[in-house]
Amino acid sequence: APGQERQFVAGLRWSGNRYYEDSVKGRFTISGTGARDTLYLQ
């Protein structure tokens, strides 16, 4: 955001593990395709 540091939101390991910053947990979902050609953030 303007005037702020770049912050981690969500992370994905292709093996399936997912990680979220506390403020978005339960609202955001990170995912990727099996071909590893697209990353999504719902």
ModelCIF file with pLDDT and N, C-alpha, C, O atoms, coordinates in Angstrom:
data_MODEL
#
_entry.id   MODEL 
#
_entity.id                         1 
_entity.type                       polymer 
_entity.pdbx_number_of_molecules   1 
#
_entity_poly.entity_id                      1 
_entity_poly.type                           'polypeptide(L)' 
_entity_poly.nstd_linkage                   no 
_entity_poly.nstd_monomer                   no 
_entity_poly.pdbx_seq_one_letter_code       APGQERQFVAGLRWSGNRYYEDSVKGRFTISGTGARDTLYLQ 
_entity_poly.pdbx_seq_one_letter_code_can   APGQERQFVAGLRWSGNRYYEDSVKGRFTISGTGARDTLYLQ 
_entity_poly.pdbx_strand_id                 A 
#
loop_
_entity_poly_seq.entity_id 
_entity_poly_seq.num 
_entity_poly_seq.mon_id 
_entity_poly_seq.hetero 
1 1  ALA n 
1 2  PRO n 
1 3  GLY n 
1 4  GLN n 
1 5  GLU n 
1 6  ARG n 
1 7  GLN n 
1 8  PHE n 
1 9  VAL n 
1 10 ALA n 
1 11 GLY n 
1 12 LEU n 
1 13 ARG n 
1 14 TRP n 
1 15 SER n 
1 16 GLY n 
1 17 ASN n 
1 18 ARG n 
1 19 TYR n 
1 20 TYR n 
1 21 GLU n 
1 22 ASP n 
1 23 SER n 
1 24 VAL n 
1 25 LYS n 
1 26 GLY n 
1 27 ARG n 
1 28 PHE n 
1 29 THR n 
1 30 ILE n 
1 31 SER n 
1 32 GLY n 
1 33 THR n 
1 34 GLY n 
1 35 ALA n 
1 36 ARG n 
1 37 ASP n 
1 38 THR n 
1 39 LEU n 
1 40 TYR n 
1 41 LEU n 
1 42 GLN n 
#
_struct_asym.id          A 
_struct_asym.entity_id   1 
#
loop_
_ma_qa_metric.id 
_ma_qa_metric.mode 
_ma_qa_metric.name 
_ma_qa_metric.software_group_id 
_ma_qa_metric.type 
1 global pLDDT . pLDDT 
2 local  pLDDT . pLDDT 
#
_ma_qa_metric_global.metric_id      1 
_ma_qa_metric_global.metric_value   96.31 
_ma_qa_metric_global.model_id       1 
_ma_qa_metric_global.ordinal_id     1 
#
loop_
_ma_qa_metric_local.label_asym_id 
_ma_qa_metric_local.label_comp_id 
_ma_qa_metric_local.label_seq_id 
_ma_qa_metric_local.metric_id 
_ma_qa_metric_local.metric_value 
_ma_qa_metric_local.model_id 
_ma_qa_metric_local.ordinal_id 
A ALA 1  2 97.00 1 1  
A PRO 2  2 93.00 1 2  
A GLY 3  2 95.00 1 3  
A GLN 4  2 96.00 1 4  
A GLU 5  2 96.00 1 5  
A ARG 6  2 96.00 1 6  
A GLN 7  2 97.00 1 7  
A PHE 8  2 98.00 1 8  
A VAL 9  2 98.00 1 9  
A ALA 10 2 98.00 1 10 
A GLY 11 2 97.00 1 11 
A LEU 12 2 96.00 1 12 
A ARG 13 2 95.00 1 13 
A TRP 14 2 93.00 1 14 
A SER 15 2 90.00 1 15 
A GLY 16 2 90.00 1 16 
A ASN 17 2 95.00 1 17 
A ARG 18 2 97.00 1 18 
A TYR 19 2 97.00 1 19 
A TYR 20 2 98.00 1 20 
A GLU 21 2 97.00 1 21 
A ASP 22 2 97.00 1 22 
A SER 23 2 97.00 1 23 
A VAL 24 2 98.00 1 24 
A LYS 25 2 97.00 1 25 
A GLY 26 2 98.00 1 26 
A ARG 27 2 98.00 1 27 
A PHE 28 2 98.00 1 28 
A THR 29 2 98.00 1 29 
A ILE 30 2 98.00 1 30 
A SER 31 2 98.00 1 31 
A GLY 32 2 97.00 1 32 
A THR 33 2 95.00 1 33 
A GLY 34 2 93.00 1 34 
A ALA 35 2 94.00 1 35 
A ARG 36 2 95.00 1 36 
A ASP 37 2 96.00 1 37 
A THR 38 2 97.00 1 38 
A LEU 39 2 98.00 1 39 
A TYR 40 2 98.00 1 40 
A LEU 41 2 98.00 1 41 
A GLN 42 2 98.00 1 42 
#
loop_
_atom_site.group_PDB 
_atom_site.id 
_atom_site.type_symbol 
_atom_site.label_atom_id 
_atom_site.label_alt_id 
_atom_site.label_comp_id 
_atom_site.label_asym_id 
_atom_site.label_entity_id 
_atom_site.label_seq_id 
_atom_site.pdbx_PDB_ins_code 
_atom_site.Cartn_x 
_atom_site.Cartn_y 
_atom_site.Cartn_z 
_atom_site.occupancy 
_atom_site.B_iso_or_equiv 
_atom_site.pdbx_formal_charge 
_atom_site.auth_seq_id 
_atom_site.auth_comp_id 
_atom_site.auth_asym_id 
_atom_site.auth_atom_id 
_atom_site.pdbx_PDB_model_num 
ATOM 1   N N  . ALA A 1 1  ? 0.844   -1.184  0.000   1.00 97.00 ? 1  ALA A N  1 
ATOM 2   C CA . ALA A 1 1  ? 0.000   0.000   0.000   1.00 97.00 ? 1  ALA A CA 1 
ATOM 3   C C  . ALA A 1 1  ? 0.883   1.240   0.000   1.00 97.00 ? 1  ALA A C  1 
ATOM 4   O O  . ALA A 1 1  ? 2.039   1.169   0.418   1.00 97.00 ? 1  ALA A O  1 
ATOM 5   N N  . PRO A 1 2  ? 0.362   2.373   -0.460  1.00 93.00 ? 2  PRO A N  1 
ATOM 6   C CA . PRO A 1 2  ? 1.168   3.597   -0.479  1.00 93.00 ? 2  PRO A CA 1 
ATOM 7   C C  . PRO A 1 2  ? 1.743   3.925   0.889   1.00 93.00 ? 2  PRO A C  1 
ATOM 8   O O  . PRO A 1 2  ? 1.028   3.911   1.892   1.00 93.00 ? 2  PRO A O  1 
ATOM 9   N N  . GLY A 1 3  ? 3.031   4.220   0.925   1.00 95.00 ? 3  GLY A N  1 
ATOM 10  C CA . GLY A 1 3  ? 3.690   4.580   2.165   1.00 95.00 ? 3  GLY A CA 1 
ATOM 11  C C  . GLY A 1 3  ? 3.987   3.430   3.097   1.00 95.00 ? 3  GLY A C  1 
ATOM 12  O O  . GLY A 1 3  ? 4.440   3.654   4.220   1.00 95.00 ? 3  GLY A O  1 
ATOM 13  N N  . GLN A 1 4  ? 3.744   2.202   2.663   1.00 96.00 ? 4  GLN A N  1 
ATOM 14  C CA . GLN A 1 4  ? 3.966   1.037   3.505   1.00 96.00 ? 4  GLN A CA 1 
ATOM 15  C C  . GLN A 1 4  ? 4.973   0.092   2.871   1.00 96.00 ? 4  GLN A C  1 
ATOM 16  O O  . GLN A 1 4  ? 5.258   0.173   1.676   1.00 96.00 ? 4  GLN A O  1 
ATOM 17  N N  . GLU A 1 5  ? 5.503   -0.802  3.686   1.00 96.00 ? 5  GLU A N  1 
ATOM 18  C CA . GLU A 1 5  ? 6.422   -1.817  3.203   1.00 96.00 ? 5  GLU A CA 1 
ATOM 19  C C  . GLU A 1 5  ? 5.662   -2.917  2.480   1.00 96.00 ? 5  GLU A C  1 
ATOM 20  O O  . GLU A 1 5  ? 4.476   -3.137  2.724   1.00 96.00 ? 5  GLU A O  1 
ATOM 21  N N  . ARG A 1 6  ? 6.360   -3.600  1.594   1.00 96.00 ? 6  ARG A N  1 
ATOM 22  C CA . ARG A 1 6  ? 5.767   -4.737  0.917   1.00 96.00 ? 6  ARG A CA 1 
ATOM 23  C C  . ARG A 1 6  ? 5.589   -5.874  1.915   1.00 96.00 ? 6  ARG A C  1 
ATOM 24  O O  . ARG A 1 6  ? 6.535   -6.254  2.606   1.00 96.00 ? 6  ARG A O  1 
ATOM 25  N N  . GLN A 1 7  ? 4.368   -6.418  1.991   1.00 97.00 ? 7  GLN A N  1 
ATOM 26  C CA . GLN A 1 7  ? 4.019   -7.383  3.018   1.00 97.00 ? 7  GLN A CA 1 
ATOM 27  C C  . GLN A 1 7  ? 3.606   -8.713  2.404   1.00 97.00 ? 7  GLN A C  1 
ATOM 28  O O  . GLN A 1 7  ? 2.952   -8.763  1.362   1.00 97.00 ? 7  GLN A O  1 
ATOM 29  N N  . PHE A 1 8  ? 4.002   -9.783  3.071   1.00 98.00 ? 8  PHE A N  1 
ATOM 30  C CA . PHE A 1 8  ? 3.585   -11.119 2.690   1.00 98.00 ? 8  PHE A CA 1 
ATOM 31  C C  . PHE A 1 8  ? 2.089   -11.283 2.900   1.00 98.00 ? 8  PHE A C  1 
ATOM 32  O O  . PHE A 1 8  ? 1.553   -10.856 3.922   1.00 98.00 ? 8  PHE A O  1 
ATOM 33  N N  . VAL A 1 9  ? 1.415   -11.898 1.940   1.00 98.00 ? 9  VAL A N  1 
ATOM 34  C CA . VAL A 1 9  ? -0.018  -12.152 2.032   1.00 98.00 ? 9  VAL A CA 1 
ATOM 35  C C  . VAL A 1 9  ? -0.310  -13.638 2.135   1.00 98.00 ? 9  VAL A C  1 
ATOM 36  O O  . VAL A 1 9  ? -1.008  -14.077 3.049   1.00 98.00 ? 9  VAL A O  1 
ATOM 37  N N  . ALA A 1 10 ? 0.221   -14.411 1.201   1.00 98.00 ? 10 ALA A N  1 
ATOM 38  C CA . ALA A 1 10 ? -0.034  -15.845 1.166   1.00 98.00 ? 10 ALA A CA 1 
ATOM 39  C C  . ALA A 1 10 ? 1.085   -16.536 0.416   1.00 98.00 ? 10 ALA A C  1 
ATOM 40  O O  . ALA A 1 10 ? 1.691   -15.954 -0.484  1.00 98.00 ? 10 ALA A O  1 
ATOM 41  N N  . GLY A 1 11 ? 1.359   -17.778 0.786   1.00 97.00 ? 11 GLY A N  1 
ATOM 42  C CA . GLY A 1 11 ? 2.401   -18.549 0.145   1.00 97.00 ? 11 GLY A CA 1 
ATOM 43  C C  . GLY A 1 11 ? 1.933   -19.949 -0.174  1.00 97.00 ? 11 GLY A C  1 
ATOM 44  O O  . GLY A 1 11 ? 1.013   -20.469 0.457   1.00 97.00 ? 11 GLY A O  1 
ATOM 45  N N  . LEU A 1 12 ? 2.571   -20.555 -1.156  1.00 96.00 ? 12 LEU A N  1 
ATOM 46  C CA . LEU A 1 12 ? 2.192   -21.877 -1.637  1.00 96.00 ? 12 LEU A CA 1 
ATOM 47  C C  . LEU A 1 12 ? 3.420   -22.732 -1.904  1.00 96.00 ? 12 LEU A C  1 
ATOM 48  O O  . LEU A 1 12 ? 4.349   -22.320 -2.599  1.00 96.00 ? 12 LEU A O  1 
ATOM 49  N N  . ARG A 1 13 ? 3.403   -23.928 -1.337  1.00 95.00 ? 13 ARG A N  1 
ATOM 50  C CA . ARG A 1 13 ? 4.326   -24.969 -1.752  1.00 95.00 ? 13 ARG A CA 1 
ATOM 51  C C  . ARG A 1 13 ? 3.587   -25.886 -2.714  1.00 95.00 ? 13 ARG A C  1 
ATOM 52  O O  . ARG A 1 13 ? 2.446   -26.269 -2.458  1.00 95.00 ? 13 ARG A O  1 
ATOM 53  N N  . TRP A 1 14 ? 4.230   -26.234 -3.809  1.00 93.00 ? 14 TRP A N  1 
ATOM 54  C CA . TRP A 1 14 ? 3.559   -27.033 -4.824  1.00 93.00 ? 14 TRP A CA 1 
ATOM 55  C C  . TRP A 1 14 ? 3.148   -28.404 -4.312  1.00 93.00 ? 14 TRP A C  1 
ATOM 56  O O  . TRP A 1 14 ? 2.308   -29.071 -4.916  1.00 93.00 ? 14 TRP A O  1 
ATOM 57  N N  . SER A 1 15 ? 3.734   -28.821 -3.207  1.00 90.00 ? 15 SER A N  1 
ATOM 58  C CA . SER A 1 15 ? 3.336   -30.073 -2.587  1.00 90.00 ? 15 SER A CA 1 
ATOM 59  C C  . SER A 1 15 ? 1.967   -29.980 -1.921  1.00 90.00 ? 15 SER A C  1 
ATOM 60  O O  . SER A 1 15 ? 1.356   -31.000 -1.601  1.00 90.00 ? 15 SER A O  1 
ATOM 61  N N  . GLY A 1 16 ? 1.483   -28.742 -1.711  1.00 90.00 ? 16 GLY A N  1 
ATOM 62  C CA . GLY A 1 16 ? 0.161   -28.553 -1.165  1.00 90.00 ? 16 GLY A CA 1 
ATOM 63  C C  . GLY A 1 16 ? 0.061   -27.656 0.046   1.00 90.00 ? 16 GLY A C  1 
ATOM 64  O O  . GLY A 1 16 ? -1.025  -27.163 0.348   1.00 90.00 ? 16 GLY A O  1 
ATOM 65  N N  . ASN A 1 17 ? 1.159   -27.424 0.752   1.00 95.00 ? 17 ASN A N  1 
ATOM 66  C CA . ASN A 1 17 ? 1.114   -26.581 1.932   1.00 95.00 ? 17 ASN A CA 1 
ATOM 67  C C  . ASN A 1 17 ? 0.838   -25.139 1.556   1.00 95.00 ? 17 ASN A C  1 
ATOM 68  O O  . ASN A 1 17 ? 1.377   -24.626 0.575   1.00 95.00 ? 17 ASN A O  1 
ATOM 69  N N  . ARG A 1 18 ? -0.005  -24.488 2.344   1.00 97.00 ? 18 ARG A N  1 
ATOM 70  C CA . ARG A 1 18 ? -0.354  -23.094 2.110   1.00 97.00 ? 18 ARG A CA 1 
ATOM 71  C C  . ARG A 1 18 ? -0.201  -22.301 3.395   1.00 97.00 ? 18 ARG A C  1 
ATOM 72  O O  . ARG A 1 18 ? -0.415  -22.824 4.488   1.00 97.00 ? 18 ARG A O  1 
ATOM 73  N N  . TYR A 1 19 ? 0.168   -21.036 3.257   1.00 97.00 ? 19 TYR A N  1 
ATOM 74  C CA . TYR A 1 19 ? 0.436   -20.172 4.396   1.00 97.00 ? 19 TYR A CA 1 
ATOM 75  C C  . TYR A 1 19 ? -0.222  -18.824 4.161   1.00 97.00 ? 19 TYR A C  1 
ATOM 76  O O  . TYR A 1 19 ? -0.266  -18.335 3.032   1.00 97.00 ? 19 TYR A O  1 
ATOM 77  N N  . TYR A 1 20 ? -0.740  -18.217 5.244   1.00 98.00 ? 20 TYR A N  1 
ATOM 78  C CA . TYR A 1 20 ? -1.464  -16.962 5.125   1.00 98.00 ? 20 TYR A CA 1 
ATOM 79  C C  . TYR A 1 20 ? -1.067  -15.987 6.223   1.00 98.00 ? 20 TYR A C  1 
ATOM 80  O O  . TYR A 1 20 ? -0.790  -16.376 7.358   1.00 98.00 ? 20 TYR A O  1 
ATOM 81  N N  . GLU A 1 21 ? -1.047  -14.723 5.861   1.00 97.00 ? 21 GLU A N  1 
ATOM 82  C CA . GLU A 1 21 ? -0.929  -13.682 6.857   1.00 97.00 ? 21 GLU A CA 1 
ATOM 83  C C  . GLU A 1 21 ? -2.230  -13.645 7.654   1.00 97.00 ? 21 GLU A C  1 
ATOM 84  O O  . GLU A 1 21 ? -3.304  -13.876 7.099   1.00 97.00 ? 21 GLU A O  1 
ATOM 85  N N  . ASP A 1 22 ? -2.140  -13.359 8.941   1.00 97.00 ? 22 ASP A N  1 
ATOM 86  C CA . ASP A 1 22 ? -3.291  -13.501 9.821   1.00 97.00 ? 22 ASP A CA 1 
ATOM 87  C C  . ASP A 1 22 ? -4.511  -12.694 9.376   1.00 97.00 ? 22 ASP A C  1 
ATOM 88  O O  . ASP A 1 22 ? -5.640  -13.162 9.520   1.00 97.00 ? 22 ASP A O  1 
ATOM 89  N N  . SER A 1 23 ? -4.304  -11.509 8.847   1.00 97.00 ? 23 SER A N  1 
ATOM 90  C CA . SER A 1 23 ? -5.426  -10.650 8.511   1.00 97.00 ? 23 SER A CA 1 
ATOM 91  C C  . SER A 1 23 ? -6.242  -11.146 7.322   1.00 97.00 ? 23 SER A C  1 
ATOM 92  O O  . SER A 1 23 ? -7.366  -10.688 7.119   1.00 97.00 ? 23 SER A O  1 
ATOM 93  N N  . VAL A 1 24 ? -5.700  -12.072 6.531   1.00 98.00 ? 24 VAL A N  1 
ATOM 94  C CA . VAL A 1 24 ? -6.423  -12.578 5.368   1.00 98.00 ? 24 VAL A CA 1 
ATOM 95  C C  . VAL A 1 24 ? -6.850  -14.027 5.529   1.00 98.00 ? 24 VAL A C  1 
ATOM 96  O O  . VAL A 1 24 ? -7.582  -14.550 4.688   1.00 98.00 ? 24 VAL A O  1 
ATOM 97  N N  . LYS A 1 25 ? -6.414  -14.674 6.576   1.00 97.00 ? 25 LYS A N  1 
ATOM 98  C CA . LYS A 1 25 ? -6.749  -16.076 6.790   1.00 97.00 ? 25 LYS A CA 1 
ATOM 99  C C  . LYS A 1 25 ? -8.260  -16.234 6.924   1.00 97.00 ? 25 LYS A C  1 
ATOM 100 O O  . LYS A 1 25 ? -8.906  -15.513 7.685   1.00 97.00 ? 25 LYS A O  1 
ATOM 101 N N  . GLY A 1 26 ? -8.812  -17.184 6.176   1.00 98.00 ? 26 GLY A N  1 
ATOM 102 C CA . GLY A 1 26 ? -10.246 -17.392 6.162   1.00 98.00 ? 26 GLY A CA 1 
ATOM 103 C C  . GLY A 1 26 ? -10.965 -16.615 5.083   1.00 98.00 ? 26 GLY A C  1 
ATOM 104 O O  . GLY A 1 26 ? -12.113 -16.924 4.765   1.00 98.00 ? 26 GLY A O  1 
ATOM 105 N N  . ARG A 1 27 ? -10.316 -15.612 4.510   1.00 98.00 ? 27 ARG A N  1 
ATOM 106 C CA . ARG A 1 27 ? -10.900 -14.819 3.431   1.00 98.00 ? 27 ARG A CA 1 
ATOM 107 C C  . ARG A 1 27 ? -10.215 -15.063 2.088   1.00 98.00 ? 27 ARG A C  1 
ATOM 108 O O  . ARG A 1 27 ? -10.873 -15.074 1.047   1.00 98.00 ? 27 ARG A O  1 
ATOM 109 N N  . PHE A 1 28 ? -8.904  -15.258 2.108   1.00 98.00 ? 28 PHE A N  1 
ATOM 110 C CA . PHE A 1 28 ? -8.126  -15.442 0.884   1.00 98.00 ? 28 PHE A CA 1 
ATOM 111 C C  . PHE A 1 28 ? -7.709  -16.899 0.740   1.00 98.00 ? 28 PHE A C  1 
ATOM 112 O O  . PHE A 1 28 ? -7.495  -17.597 1.732   1.00 98.00 ? 28 PHE A O  1 
ATOM 113 N N  . THR A 1 29 ? -7.597  -17.348 -0.499  1.00 98.00 ? 29 THR A N  1 
ATOM 114 C CA . THR A 1 29 ? -7.125  -18.691 -0.791  1.00 98.00 ? 29 THR A CA 1 
ATOM 115 C C  . THR A 1 29 ? -6.107  -18.638 -1.915  1.00 98.00 ? 29 THR A C  1 
ATOM 116 O O  . THR A 1 29 ? -6.393  -18.119 -2.994  1.00 98.00 ? 29 THR A O  1 
ATOM 117 N N  . ILE A 1 30 ? -4.921  -19.174 -1.666  1.00 98.00 ? 30 ILE A N  1 
ATOM 118 C CA . ILE A 1 30 ? -3.896  -19.251 -2.695  1.00 98.00 ? 30 ILE A CA 1 
ATOM 119 C C  . ILE A 1 30 ? -3.928  -20.646 -3.300  1.00 98.00 ? 30 ILE A C  1 
ATOM 120 O O  . ILE A 1 30 ? -4.113  -21.632 -2.586  1.00 98.00 ? 30 ILE A O  1 
ATOM 121 N N  . SER A 1 31 ? -3.748  -20.730 -4.609  1.00 98.00 ? 31 SER A N  1 
ATOM 122 C CA . SER A 1 31 ? -3.752  -22.015 -5.282  1.00 98.00 ? 31 SER A CA 1 
ATOM 123 C C  . SER A 1 31 ? -2.928  -21.918 -6.551  1.00 98.00 ? 31 SER A C  1 
ATOM 124 O O  . SER A 1 31 ? -2.596  -20.825 -7.009  1.00 98.00 ? 31 SER A O  1 
ATOM 125 N N  . GLY A 1 32 ? -2.602  -23.067 -7.112  1.00 97.00 ? 32 GLY A N  1 
ATOM 126 C CA . GLY A 1 32 ? -1.847  -23.114 -8.352  1.00 97.00 ? 32 GLY A CA 1 
ATOM 127 C C  . GLY A 1 32 ? -2.280  -24.290 -9.189  1.00 97.00 ? 32 GLY A C  1 
ATOM 128 O O  . GLY A 1 32 ? -2.906  -25.223 -8.686  1.00 97.00 ? 32 GLY A O  1 
ATOM 129 N N  . THR A 1 33 ? -1.949  -24.251 -10.467 1.00 95.00 ? 33 THR A N  1 
ATOM 130 C CA . THR A 1 33 ? -2.300  -25.326 -11.374 1.00 95.00 ? 33 THR A CA 1 
ATOM 131 C C  . THR A 1 33 ? -1.295  -26.456 -11.282 1.00 95.00 ? 33 THR A C  1 
ATOM 132 O O  . THR A 1 33 ? -0.159  -26.268 -10.847 1.00 95.00 ? 33 THR A O  1 
ATOM 133 N N  . GLY A 1 34 ? -1.734  -27.639 -11.702 1.00 93.00 ? 34 GLY A N  1 
ATOM 134 C CA . GLY A 1 34 ? -0.851  -28.795 -11.697 1.00 93.00 ? 34 GLY A CA 1 
ATOM 135 C C  . GLY A 1 34 ? 0.350   -28.632 -12.607 1.00 93.00 ? 34 GLY A C  1 
ATOM 136 O O  . GLY A 1 34 ? 1.414   -29.189 -12.340 1.00 93.00 ? 34 GLY A O  1 
ATOM 137 N N  . ALA A 1 35 ? 0.188   -27.875 -13.677 1.00 94.00 ? 35 ALA A N  1 
ATOM 138 C CA . ALA A 1 35 ? 1.287   -27.609 -14.598 1.00 94.00 ? 35 ALA A CA 1 
ATOM 139 C C  . ALA A 1 35 ? 2.239   -26.552 -14.072 1.00 94.00 ? 35 ALA A C  1 
ATOM 140 O O  . ALA A 1 35 ? 3.266   -26.281 -14.694 1.00 94.00 ? 35 ALA A O  1 
ATOM 141 N N  . ARG A 1 36 ? 1.917   -25.957 -12.945 1.00 95.00 ? 36 ARG A N  1 
ATOM 142 C CA . ARG A 1 36 ? 2.724   -24.900 -12.330 1.00 95.00 ? 36 ARG A CA 1 
ATOM 143 C C  . ARG A 1 36 ? 2.939   -23.727 -13.286 1.00 95.00 ? 36 ARG A C  1 
ATOM 144 O O  . ARG A 1 36 ? 4.023   -23.146 -13.338 1.00 95.00 ? 36 ARG A O  1 
ATOM 145 N N  . ASP A 1 37 ? 1.890   -23.389 -14.043 1.00 96.00 ? 37 ASP A N  1 
ATOM 146 C CA . ASP A 1 37 ? 1.971   -22.266 -14.961 1.00 96.00 ? 37 ASP A CA 1 
ATOM 147 C C  . ASP A 1 37 ? 1.086   -21.097 -14.560 1.00 96.00 ? 37 ASP A C  1 
ATOM 148 O O  . ASP A 1 37 ? 1.100   -20.057 -15.218 1.00 96.00 ? 37 ASP A O  1 
ATOM 149 N N  . THR A 1 38 ? 0.316   -21.254 -13.488 1.00 97.00 ? 38 THR A N  1 
ATOM 150 C CA . THR A 1 38 ? -0.551  -20.183 -13.018 1.00 97.00 ? 38 THR A CA 1 
ATOM 151 C C  . THR A 1 38 ? -0.670  -20.243 -11.505 1.00 97.00 ? 38 THR A C  1 
ATOM 152 O O  . THR A 1 38 ? -0.825  -21.318 -10.926 1.00 97.00 ? 38 THR A O  1 
ATOM 153 N N  . LEU A 1 39 ? -0.598  -19.100 -10.881 1.00 98.00 ? 39 LEU A N  1 
ATOM 154 C CA . LEU A 1 39 ? -0.834  -18.959 -9.457  1.00 98.00 ? 39 LEU A CA 1 
ATOM 155 C C  . LEU A 1 39 ? -2.051  -18.058 -9.268  1.00 98.00 ? 39 LEU A C  1 
ATOM 156 O O  . LEU A 1 39 ? -2.176  -17.029 -9.932  1.00 98.00 ? 39 LEU A O  1 
ATOM 157 N N  . TYR A 1 40 ? -2.946  -18.446 -8.362  1.00 98.00 ? 40 TYR A N  1 
ATOM 158 C CA . TYR A 1 40 ? -4.156  -17.682 -8.117  1.00 98.00 ? 40 TYR A CA 1 
ATOM 159 C C  . TYR A 1 40 ? -4.198  -17.164 -6.687  1.00 98.00 ? 40 TYR A C  1 
ATOM 160 O O  . TYR A 1 40 ? -3.591  -17.734 -5.781  1.00 98.00 ? 40 TYR A O  1 
ATOM 161 N N  . LEU A 1 41 ? -4.923  -16.079 -6.510  1.00 98.00 ? 41 LEU A N  1 
ATOM 162 C CA . LEU A 1 41 ? -5.281  -15.609 -5.180  1.00 98.00 ? 41 LEU A CA 1 
ATOM 163 C C  . LEU A 1 41 ? -6.755  -15.240 -5.206  1.00 98.00 ? 41 LEU A C  1 
ATOM 164 O O  . LEU A 1 41 ? -7.140  -14.206 -5.752  1.00 98.00 ? 41 LEU A O  1 
ATOM 165 N N  . GLN A 1 42 ? -7.571  -16.096 -4.609  1.00 98.00 ? 42 GLN A N  1 
ATOM 166 C CA . GLN A 1 42 ? -8.996  -15.819 -4.480  1.00 98.00 ? 42 GLN A CA 1 
ATOM 167 C C  . GLN A 1 42 ? -9.203  -14.979 -3.237  1.00 98.00 ? 42 GLN A C  1 
ATOM 168 O O  . GLN A 1 42 ? -10.335 -14.617 -2.917  1.00 98.00 ? 42 GLN A O  1 
#
